[in-house]
Structures are given as C-alpha cells and as structure tokens.
Amino acid sequence: MNRLACDLLIALEPACLMEQACLTPDPWQARVLSSDAVQILLLCARQVGKSTVTAAMALYRAIMWPDSLILLLSPSLRQSGELFRKVVALYRAQTDPVPIEAVSSLRLELANGSRIVSLPGTESTIRGFSGVRLLIVDEASRVPDELYFAIRPMLAVSNGRLVALSTPFGKRGFFFNAWQNESEWQRFKVTAADCPRVSSDFLTRERRSLGERWFNQEYLCEFAEPVDAVFSLEVIQRAITPEVRPLFNSSAGG
C-alpha cells in the first residue's frame, strides 16, 4: 500500500492503526477512536485495552494533524514508559508512516512537525508546555487534583482534547467527580466482562483471591469508599444542608 492510500485509509477509519498492528479493535475501542468529543473519560477494568486505544489516538493525531503536540501524562516514570512503548509499537507496525525526526525513551518527533511526549506526573515536568492538541492522562484516578488543575490551561489556546483513562480508586479526586458530571464528558465504561480476552474462569479466581470490594473496583469499575474513610460519601452529603448555619463565620471580624 502506498503512502497516499495508507493516509487516506487511516483518515477514514482511525481503527486501521490498530489493524495494521494485527490488533482487532473491540467495539468500544472503535467507538472511542471514531469519537470527536473534546473531553473523554475511559472508566476501564485492568487489561481491557485502554492503554492501547489511547496510544492509537495519540498516533492518529500526530500523523494526520501536522505540528501537533500530544502529551501523555502518567503518575510515575515507569507508567509513562509503558504507555509510550505502545505508541512506538503501533508506529512501527504502520506501512510507510510519516518518517521519524527524533526518538528517545519518552519522546517521538515526526517529520511533519508533530511530537508525542510522555511525562511522569509531577508539576515540575509538565510546566512550560503549551498549545497541546491532545492531552492523555493515564491512571487518572491516581493523579492529584492539583496536578490536574495545573495541566488544564495547556489546552486553552489550542482548544485541544482531553482524554482521561483509569480504573476507579475510591470516591475521591477529579476523575471520580468528572465521572458524575455527565454533561461535560463523553464517558465509556468497560468492565472485565466486556473484554473477550478475559476469561470467566480467571475472574472467578480473582473474586475469591481479592474479595468483593477490590474485585468490584479492579474488574467491575465500581467506585468504592476509601479504605480509611470514617464516614461514607453518602452520609456526608446527607449531612450537608443550607438550613444549618456554620459554627464559624469567616466574614465576621475578630
């Protein structure tokens, strides 16, 4: 297949990036790749293919939109490297792709001016980036709120896309709060039962080994109360009422 035909095929069907790598996209992965939503949440169980589909999103943006900056943000350096390796593996599986200008363990620069940069999730590493066309936040439920608030301005001028993917990690943090807000995000929930590569026998063994709480969180994508919580979120919310005046008034003098 020549370069023009390959680019046309990818432009018409982004899932072809996975197919070129001999990966058959699951139906939900194909829907994610064809989405034009500005903000996407992927609430996914372990090992269902969430990293692979976001790697394809990153590569698609880099190939089809020249001069694009794509950032991959993960909580740790190891996780950043794992996600970036998926991007590189997909790139190397393509037929006559856009040539590479430079590549390192966490950075890919293409001849069309696009860059894919993978970073560990600390504020010091992400400061200075601007004009981001696509921002992918891996393991988003474990990314601190202050870091999330620091990265959002990167999309202000570029009107870039934001994709956050994660398994649940308790009823806390920006990822949990965003999942409750249906109006601002396109949401995809993928449990282990939705993945044809995860067997029912394996899930049965995991339920016995982990117990209901952890099994439901890791494989059924249920947000559980934090282990160290004294009161549940539901109890706290029921206790809040506008009819009760606060004990201390911050506007009072003295």
C-alpha atoms as a PDB file:
ATOM      1  CA  MET A   1       0.000   0.000   0.000  1.00  0.00           C
ATOM      2  CA  ASN A   2       1.477   3.372  -0.983  1.00  0.00           C
ATOM      3  CA  ARG A   3       1.754   6.322   1.377  1.00  0.00           C
ATOM      4  CA  LEU A   4      -1.243   8.232  -0.011  1.00  0.00           C
ATOM      5  CA  ALA A   5      -3.525   5.199   0.156  1.00  0.00           C
ATOM      6  CA  CYS A   6      -2.390   4.437   3.717  1.00  0.00           C
ATOM      7  CA  ASP A   7      -3.041   8.007   4.895  1.00  0.00           C
ATOM      8  CA  LEU A   8      -6.472   8.002   3.255  1.00  0.00           C
ATOM      9  CA  LEU A   9      -7.406   4.714   4.894  1.00  0.00           C
ATOM     10  CA  ILE A  10      -6.336   5.958   8.329  1.00  0.00           C
ATOM     11  CA  ALA A  11      -8.193   9.254   7.836  1.00  0.00           C
ATOM     12  CA  LEU A  12     -11.398   7.405   7.055  1.00  0.00           C
ATOM     13  CA  GLU A  13     -11.041   4.843   9.847  1.00  0.00           C
ATOM     14  CA  PRO A  14      -8.654   5.527  12.769  1.00  0.00           C
ATOM     15  CA  ALA A  15      -9.086   1.937  13.979  1.00  0.00           C
ATOM     16  CA  CYS A  16      -6.924   0.935  10.989  1.00  0.00           C
ATOM     17  CA  LEU A  17      -3.900   1.951  13.051  1.00  0.00           C
ATOM     18  CA  MET A  18      -4.613  -0.993  15.352  1.00  0.00           C
ATOM     19  CA  GLU A  19      -5.472  -3.311  12.489  1.00  0.00           C
ATOM     20  CA  GLN A  20      -2.141  -2.520  10.826  1.00  0.00           C
ATOM     21  CA  ALA A  21      -0.545  -3.827  14.028  1.00  0.00           C
ATOM     22  CA  CYS A  22      -2.597  -7.050  13.785  1.00  0.00           C
ATOM     23  CA  LEU A  23      -4.857  -5.917  16.637  1.00  0.00           C
ATOM     24  CA  THR A  24      -8.607  -6.247  16.143  1.00  0.00           C
ATOM     25  CA  PRO A  25     -10.299  -3.329  17.924  1.00  0.00           C
ATOM     26  CA  ASP A  26     -13.067  -4.234  20.326  1.00  0.00           C
ATOM     27  CA  PRO A  27     -16.362  -2.473  19.511  1.00  0.00           C
ATOM     28  CA  TRP A  28     -15.864   0.011  22.349  1.00  0.00           C
ATOM     29  CA  GLN A  29     -12.332   0.799  21.140  1.00  0.00           C
ATOM     30  CA  ALA A  30     -13.643   1.507  17.653  1.00  0.00           C
ATOM     31  CA  ARG A  31     -16.267   3.868  19.141  1.00  0.00           C
ATOM     32  CA  VAL A  32     -13.592   5.714  21.123  1.00  0.00           C
ATOM     33  CA  LEU A  33     -11.370   6.123  18.074  1.00  0.00           C
ATOM     34  CA  SER A  34     -14.244   7.471  15.983  1.00  0.00           C
ATOM     35  CA  SER A  35     -15.418   9.920  18.669  1.00  0.00           C
ATOM     36  CA  ASP A  36     -14.974  13.644  18.106  1.00  0.00           C
ATOM     37  CA  ALA A  37     -15.747  14.590  21.733  1.00  0.00           C
ATOM     38  CA  VAL A  38     -13.476  17.235  23.238  1.00  0.00           C
ATOM     39  CA  GLN A  39     -13.387  15.520  26.638  1.00  0.00           C
ATOM     40  CA  ILE A  40     -13.474  11.749  27.065  1.00  0.00           C
ATOM     41  CA  LEU A  41     -13.426   9.572  30.177  1.00  0.00           C
ATOM     42  CA  LEU A  42     -12.476   5.907  29.961  1.00  0.00           C
ATOM     43  CA  LEU A  43     -13.500   4.028  33.110  1.00  0.00           C
ATOM     44  CA  CYS A  44     -11.961   0.642  32.433  1.00  0.00           C
ATOM     45  CA  ALA A  45     -11.009  -2.563  34.184  1.00  0.00           C
ATOM     46  CA  ARG A  46      -7.452  -3.865  34.094  1.00  0.00           C
ATOM     47  CA  GLN A  47      -6.159  -5.386  30.872  1.00  0.00           C
ATOM     48  CA  VAL A  48      -9.118  -4.487  28.648  1.00  0.00           C
ATOM     49  CA  GLY A  49      -7.066  -2.403  26.189  1.00  0.00           C
ATOM     50  CA  LYS A  50      -7.453   1.177  27.420  1.00  0.00           C
ATOM     51  CA  SER A  51      -3.752   1.988  27.023  1.00  0.00           C
ATOM     52  CA  THR A  52      -3.681   0.531  23.518  1.00  0.00           C
ATOM     53  CA  VAL A  53      -6.648   2.573  22.320  1.00  0.00           C
ATOM     54  CA  THR A  54      -5.258   5.819  23.736  1.00  0.00           C
ATOM     55  CA  ALA A  55      -1.878   5.078  22.159  1.00  0.00           C
ATOM     56  CA  ALA A  56      -3.707   4.771  18.835  1.00  0.00           C
ATOM     57  CA  MET A  57      -5.462   8.099  19.494  1.00  0.00           C
ATOM     58  CA  ALA A  58      -2.118   9.780  20.115  1.00  0.00           C
ATOM     59  CA  LEU A  59      -0.503   8.342  16.990  1.00  0.00           C
ATOM     60  CA  TYR A  60      -3.532   9.183  14.845  1.00  0.00           C
ATOM     61  CA  ARG A  61      -3.394  12.824  15.926  1.00  0.00           C
ATOM     62  CA  ALA A  62       0.354  13.000  15.269  1.00  0.00           C
ATOM     63  CA  ILE A  63       0.119  11.506  11.782  1.00  0.00           C
ATOM     64  CA  MET A  64      -2.986  13.258  10.494  1.00  0.00           C
ATOM     65  CA  TRP A  65      -2.513  16.741  12.021  1.00  0.00           C
ATOM     66  CA  PRO A  66       0.991  18.135  11.333  1.00  0.00           C
ATOM     67  CA  ASP A  67       2.662  20.245  14.035  1.00  0.00           C
ATOM     68  CA  SER A  68       0.559  18.674  16.791  1.00  0.00           C
ATOM     69  CA  LEU A  69       1.852  18.386  20.340  1.00  0.00           C
ATOM     70  CA  ILE A  70       0.494  15.338  22.155  1.00  0.00           C
ATOM     71  CA  LEU A  71       1.242  14.836  25.846  1.00  0.00           C
ATOM     72  CA  LEU A  72       0.910  11.521  27.665  1.00  0.00           C
ATOM     73  CA  LEU A  73       0.781  12.062  31.422  1.00  0.00           C
ATOM     74  CA  SER A  74       1.126   9.175  33.886  1.00  0.00           C
ATOM     75  CA  PRO A  75       1.560   9.112  37.680  1.00  0.00           C
ATOM     76  CA  SER A  76       5.037   7.548  37.503  1.00  0.00           C
ATOM     77  CA  LEU A  77       8.031   7.315  35.161  1.00  0.00           C
ATOM     78  CA  ARG A  78       7.507   3.567  34.723  1.00  0.00           C
ATOM     79  CA  GLN A  79       3.889   4.044  33.644  1.00  0.00           C
ATOM     80  CA  SER A  80       4.916   6.833  31.266  1.00  0.00           C
ATOM     81  CA  GLY A  81       7.388   4.490  29.629  1.00  0.00           C
ATOM     82  CA  GLU A  82       4.865   1.668  29.280  1.00  0.00           C
ATOM     83  CA  LEU A  83       2.287   3.859  27.540  1.00  0.00           C
ATOM     84  CA  PHE A  84       4.916   5.398  25.264  1.00  0.00           C
ATOM     85  CA  ARG A  85       6.169   1.951  24.227  1.00  0.00           C
ATOM     86  CA  LYS A  86       2.664   1.140  22.992  1.00  0.00           C
ATOM     87  CA  VAL A  87       2.728   4.274  20.853  1.00  0.00           C
ATOM     88  CA  VAL A  88       6.099   3.343  19.330  1.00  0.00           C
ATOM     89  CA  ALA A  89       4.993  -0.257  18.711  1.00  0.00           C
ATOM     90  CA  LEU A  90       1.908   0.970  16.836  1.00  0.00           C
ATOM     91  CA  TYR A  91       4.019   3.402  14.825  1.00  0.00           C
ATOM     92  CA  ARG A  92       6.490   0.711  13.764  1.00  0.00           C
ATOM     93  CA  ALA A  93       3.616  -1.520  12.611  1.00  0.00           C
ATOM     94  CA  GLN A  94       2.356   1.053  10.089  1.00  0.00           C
ATOM     95  CA  THR A  95       3.019   0.809   6.360  1.00  0.00           C
ATOM     96  CA  ASP A  96       5.274   3.653   5.204  1.00  0.00           C
ATOM     97  CA  PRO A  97       4.401   6.028   8.079  1.00  0.00           C
ATOM     98  CA  VAL A  98       5.476   9.658   8.441  1.00  0.00           C
ATOM     99  CA  PRO A  99       9.278   9.496   8.952  1.00  0.00           C
ATOM    100  CA  ILE A 100      10.815   9.936  12.385  1.00  0.00           C
ATOM    101  CA  GLU A 101      12.930  13.030  13.007  1.00  0.00           C
ATOM    102  CA  ALA A 102      13.977  12.057  16.540  1.00  0.00           C
ATOM    103  CA  VAL A 103      13.055   9.408  19.097  1.00  0.00           C
ATOM    104  CA  SER A 104      14.039   8.699  22.700  1.00  0.00           C
ATOM    105  CA  SER A 105      12.641   6.640  25.544  1.00  0.00           C
ATOM    106  CA  LEU A 106       9.816   9.135  26.156  1.00  0.00           C
ATOM    107  CA  ARG A 107       9.659  11.330  23.050  1.00  0.00           C
ATOM    108  CA  LEU A 108       8.763  10.827  19.382  1.00  0.00           C
ATOM    109  CA  GLU A 109       9.165  13.593  16.801  1.00  0.00           C
ATOM    110  CA  LEU A 110       7.852  13.136  13.260  1.00  0.00           C
ATOM    111  CA  ALA A 111       8.917  14.819  10.031  1.00  0.00           C
ATOM    112  CA  ASN A 112       5.516  16.578   9.795  1.00  0.00           C
ATOM    113  CA  GLY A 113       6.323  18.549  12.941  1.00  0.00           C
ATOM    114  CA  SER A 114       4.184  16.521  15.333  1.00  0.00           C
ATOM    115  CA  ARG A 115       5.546  15.478  18.717  1.00  0.00           C
ATOM    116  CA  ILE A 116       4.409  12.848  21.204  1.00  0.00           C
ATOM    117  CA  VAL A 117       5.896  13.380  24.661  1.00  0.00           C
ATOM    118  CA  SER A 118       5.319  11.070  27.622  1.00  0.00           C
ATOM    119  CA  LEU A 119       5.838  12.510  31.106  1.00  0.00           C
ATOM    120  CA  PRO A 120       5.663  11.325  34.709  1.00  0.00           C
ATOM    121  CA  GLY A 121       3.001  13.164  36.672  1.00  0.00           C
ATOM    122  CA  THR A 122       4.802  15.904  38.552  1.00  0.00           C
ATOM    123  CA  GLU A 123       4.105  19.601  38.156  1.00  0.00           C
ATOM    124  CA  SER A 124       7.783  20.359  37.512  1.00  0.00           C
ATOM    125  CA  THR A 125       7.877  18.081  34.457  1.00  0.00           C
ATOM    126  CA  ILE A 126       4.783  19.491  32.759  1.00  0.00           C
ATOM    127  CA  ARG A 127       5.346  23.204  33.305  1.00  0.00           C
ATOM    128  CA  GLY A 128       6.340  25.029  30.118  1.00  0.00           C
ATOM    129  CA  PHE A 129       4.246  23.043  27.636  1.00  0.00           C
ATOM    130  CA  SER A 130       1.557  24.954  25.757  1.00  0.00           C
ATOM    131  CA  GLY A 131      -0.558  24.590  22.638  1.00  0.00           C
ATOM    132  CA  VAL A 132      -1.287  20.943  23.417  1.00  0.00           C
ATOM    133  CA  ARG A 133      -3.580  19.355  20.830  1.00  0.00           C
ATOM    134  CA  LEU A 134      -4.222  16.149  22.743  1.00  0.00           C
ATOM    135  CA  LEU A 135      -3.648  15.529  26.436  1.00  0.00           C
ATOM    136  CA  ILE A 136      -3.961  11.938  27.649  1.00  0.00           C
ATOM    137  CA  VAL A 137      -3.988  11.343  31.415  1.00  0.00           C
ATOM    138  CA  ASP A 138      -3.222   7.720  32.290  1.00  0.00           C
ATOM    139  CA  GLU A 139      -4.326   6.202  35.628  1.00  0.00           C
ATOM    140  CA  ALA A 140      -6.232   9.433  36.145  1.00  0.00           C
ATOM    141  CA  SER A 141      -7.878   8.355  39.408  1.00  0.00           C
ATOM    142  CA  ARG A 142      -4.409   8.417  40.986  1.00  0.00           C
ATOM    143  CA  VAL A 143      -3.387  11.820  39.613  1.00  0.00           C
ATOM    144  CA  PRO A 144      -3.566  14.518  42.350  1.00  0.00           C
ATOM    145  CA  ASP A 145      -6.195  17.217  41.864  1.00  0.00           C
ATOM    146  CA  GLU A 146      -3.604  19.987  42.000  1.00  0.00           C
ATOM    147  CA  LEU A 147      -1.726  18.433  39.060  1.00  0.00           C
ATOM    148  CA  TYR A 148      -4.943  18.055  37.074  1.00  0.00           C
ATOM    149  CA  PHE A 149      -5.801  21.714  37.638  1.00  0.00           C
ATOM    150  CA  ALA A 150      -2.265  22.680  36.558  1.00  0.00           C
ATOM    151  CA  ILE A 151      -2.449  20.844  33.220  1.00  0.00           C
ATOM    152  CA  ARG A 152      -5.861  22.030  32.023  1.00  0.00           C
ATOM    153  CA  PRO A 153      -4.618  25.513  30.948  1.00  0.00           C
ATOM    154  CA  MET A 154      -2.370  23.810  28.371  1.00  0.00           C
ATOM    155  CA  LEU A 155      -5.497  23.286  26.251  1.00  0.00           C
ATOM    156  CA  ALA A 156      -6.815  26.856  26.486  1.00  0.00           C
ATOM    157  CA  VAL A 157      -5.312  28.356  23.319  1.00  0.00           C
ATOM    158  CA  SER A 158      -5.211  25.195  21.199  1.00  0.00           C
ATOM    159  CA  ASN A 159      -8.743  24.069  22.144  1.00  0.00           C
ATOM    160  CA  GLY A 160      -7.164  20.648  22.453  1.00  0.00           C
ATOM    161  CA  ARG A 161      -8.762  17.391  23.500  1.00  0.00           C
ATOM    162  CA  LEU A 162      -8.535  15.821  26.957  1.00  0.00           C
ATOM    163  CA  VAL A 163      -8.746  12.072  27.490  1.00  0.00           C
ATOM    164  CA  ALA A 164      -8.561  10.587  30.989  1.00  0.00           C
ATOM    165  CA  LEU A 165      -8.392   6.829  31.498  1.00  0.00           C
ATOM    166  CA  SER A 166      -8.324   4.826  34.687  1.00  0.00           C
ATOM    167  CA  THR A 167      -9.668   2.107  36.892  1.00  0.00           C
ATOM    168  CA  PRO A 168     -11.525   3.506  39.930  1.00  0.00           C
ATOM    169  CA  PHE A 169      -9.628   4.444  43.081  1.00  0.00           C
ATOM    170  CA  GLY A 170     -12.313   5.345  45.574  1.00  0.00           C
ATOM    171  CA  LYS A 171     -14.947   8.074  45.651  1.00  0.00           C
ATOM    172  CA  ARG A 172     -12.485  10.951  45.559  1.00  0.00           C
ATOM    173  CA  GLY A 173     -10.477  13.121  43.205  1.00  0.00           C
ATOM    174  CA  PHE A 174     -11.147  14.814  39.902  1.00  0.00           C
ATOM    175  CA  PHE A 175     -11.679  11.566  37.978  1.00  0.00           C
ATOM    176  CA  PHE A 176     -14.498  10.436  40.258  1.00  0.00           C
ATOM    177  CA  ASN A 177     -16.059  13.905  40.225  1.00  0.00           C
ATOM    178  CA  ALA A 178     -15.819  14.104  36.436  1.00  0.00           C
ATOM    179  CA  TRP A 179     -17.496  10.702  36.092  1.00  0.00           C
ATOM    180  CA  GLN A 180     -20.505  12.093  37.959  1.00  0.00           C
ATOM    181  CA  ASN A 181     -20.752  15.057  35.557  1.00  0.00           C
ATOM    182  CA  GLU A 182     -22.489  13.648  32.501  1.00  0.00           C
ATOM    183  CA  SER A 183     -22.836  16.967  30.677  1.00  0.00           C
ATOM    184  CA  GLU A 184     -19.148  17.811  30.172  1.00  0.00           C
ATOM    185  CA  TRP A 185     -17.672  14.431  29.249  1.00  0.00           C
ATOM    186  CA  GLN A 186     -18.275  11.579  26.870  1.00  0.00           C
ATOM    187  CA  ARG A 187     -17.974   8.533  29.081  1.00  0.00           C
ATOM    188  CA  PHE A 188     -17.064   4.932  28.290  1.00  0.00           C
ATOM    189  CA  LYS A 189     -17.296   2.191  30.930  1.00  0.00           C
ATOM    190  CA  VAL A 190     -15.626  -1.122  30.125  1.00  0.00           C
ATOM    191  CA  THR A 191     -15.647  -3.913  32.698  1.00  0.00           C
ATOM    192  CA  ALA A 192     -13.629  -7.106  32.515  1.00  0.00           C
ATOM    193  CA  ALA A 193     -16.794  -8.929  31.480  1.00  0.00           C
ATOM    194  CA  ASP A 194     -16.905  -6.711  28.368  1.00  0.00           C
ATOM    195  CA  CYS A 195     -13.465  -7.871  27.235  1.00  0.00           C
ATOM    196  CA  PRO A 196     -13.369 -11.113  25.219  1.00  0.00           C
ATOM    197  CA  ARG A 197      -9.734 -11.720  26.210  1.00  0.00           C
ATOM    198  CA  VAL A 198     -10.535 -12.054  29.927  1.00  0.00           C
ATOM    199  CA  SER A 199     -11.948 -15.481  30.765  1.00  0.00           C
ATOM    200  CA  SER A 200     -14.746 -16.122  33.233  1.00  0.00           C
ATOM    201  CA  ASP A 201     -12.550 -18.715  34.995  1.00  0.00           C
ATOM    202  CA  PHE A 202      -9.887 -16.087  35.624  1.00  0.00           C
ATOM    203  CA  LEU A 203     -12.469 -13.682  37.039  1.00  0.00           C
ATOM    204  CA  THR A 204     -13.850 -16.368  39.333  1.00  0.00           C
ATOM    205  CA  ARG A 205     -10.376 -16.974  40.757  1.00  0.00           C
ATOM    206  CA  GLU A 206      -9.762 -13.252  41.152  1.00  0.00           C
ATOM    207  CA  ARG A 207     -13.037 -12.746  43.027  1.00  0.00           C
ATOM    208  CA  ARG A 208     -12.006 -15.438  45.518  1.00  0.00           C
ATOM    209  CA  SER A 209      -8.488 -14.010  45.892  1.00  0.00           C
ATOM    210  CA  LEU A 210      -9.305 -10.287  46.126  1.00  0.00           C
ATOM    211  CA  GLY A 211     -12.651 -10.273  47.886  1.00  0.00           C
ATOM    212  CA  GLU A 212     -15.726  -8.395  46.740  1.00  0.00           C
ATOM    213  CA  ARG A 213     -14.515  -4.845  47.418  1.00  0.00           C
ATOM    214  CA  TRP A 214     -11.279  -4.986  45.439  1.00  0.00           C
ATOM    215  CA  PHE A 215     -12.704  -7.251  42.755  1.00  0.00           C
ATOM    216  CA  ASN A 216     -15.584  -4.853  42.133  1.00  0.00           C
ATOM    217  CA  GLN A 217     -13.166  -1.937  41.879  1.00  0.00           C
ATOM    218  CA  GLU A 218     -10.496  -3.534  39.679  1.00  0.00           C
ATOM    219  CA  TYR A 219     -12.702  -5.590  37.373  1.00  0.00           C
ATOM    220  CA  LEU A 220     -16.256  -4.196  37.554  1.00  0.00           C
ATOM    221  CA  CYS A 221     -15.268  -0.491  37.644  1.00  0.00           C
ATOM    222  CA  GLU A 222     -17.171   0.348  40.814  1.00  0.00           C
ATOM    223  CA  PHE A 223     -16.141   3.368  42.884  1.00  0.00           C
ATOM    224  CA  ALA A 224     -15.743   2.203  46.488  1.00  0.00           C
ATOM    225  CA  GLU A 225     -15.447   4.249  49.650  1.00  0.00           C
ATOM    226  CA  PRO A 226     -11.790   4.945  50.556  1.00  0.00           C
ATOM    227  CA  VAL A 227     -10.426   2.318  52.958  1.00  0.00           C
ATOM    228  CA  ASP A 228      -9.502   4.984  55.524  1.00  0.00           C
ATOM    229  CA  ALA A 229     -12.856   6.826  55.325  1.00  0.00           C
ATOM    230  CA  VAL A 230     -14.618   7.297  58.674  1.00  0.00           C
ATOM    231  CA  PHE A 231     -17.920   8.298  57.044  1.00  0.00           C
ATOM    232  CA  SER A 232     -19.220   7.333  53.614  1.00  0.00           C
ATOM    233  CA  LEU A 233     -19.684   9.993  50.930  1.00  0.00           C
ATOM    234  CA  GLU A 234     -23.437   9.389  51.034  1.00  0.00           C
ATOM    235  CA  VAL A 235     -23.582  10.067  54.780  1.00  0.00           C
ATOM    236  CA  ILE A 236     -21.549  13.268  54.391  1.00  0.00           C
ATOM    237  CA  GLN A 237     -23.757  14.532  51.564  1.00  0.00           C
ATOM    238  CA  ARG A 238     -26.915  13.870  53.588  1.00  0.00           C
ATOM    239  CA  ALA A 239     -25.454  15.856  56.480  1.00  0.00           C
ATOM    240  CA  ILE A 240     -24.983  18.994  54.357  1.00  0.00           C
ATOM    241  CA  THR A 241     -27.994  21.298  54.392  1.00  0.00           C
ATOM    242  CA  PRO A 242     -28.427  25.046  53.732  1.00  0.00           C
ATOM    243  CA  GLU A 243     -30.770  25.247  56.709  1.00  0.00           C
ATOM    244  CA  VAL A 244     -27.953  24.880  59.233  1.00  0.00           C
ATOM    245  CA  ARG A 245     -25.773  27.933  59.815  1.00  0.00           C
ATOM    246  CA  PRO A 246     -22.000  27.330  60.084  1.00  0.00           C
ATOM    247  CA  LEU A 247     -20.477  27.347  63.560  1.00  0.00           C
ATOM    248  CA  PHE A 248     -17.817  29.859  62.472  1.00  0.00           C
ATOM    249  CA  ASN A 249     -18.428  32.800  60.137  1.00  0.00           C
ATOM    250  CA  SER A 250     -15.288  33.656  58.159  1.00  0.00           C
ATOM    251  CA  SER A 251     -16.655  37.103  57.326  1.00  0.00           C
ATOM    252  CA  ALA A 252     -17.003  38.096  60.987  1.00  0.00           C
ATOM    253  CA  GLY A 253     -14.333  40.308  62.475  1.00  0.00           C
ATOM    254  CA  GLY A 254     -12.156  39.449  65.464  1.00  0.00           C
END
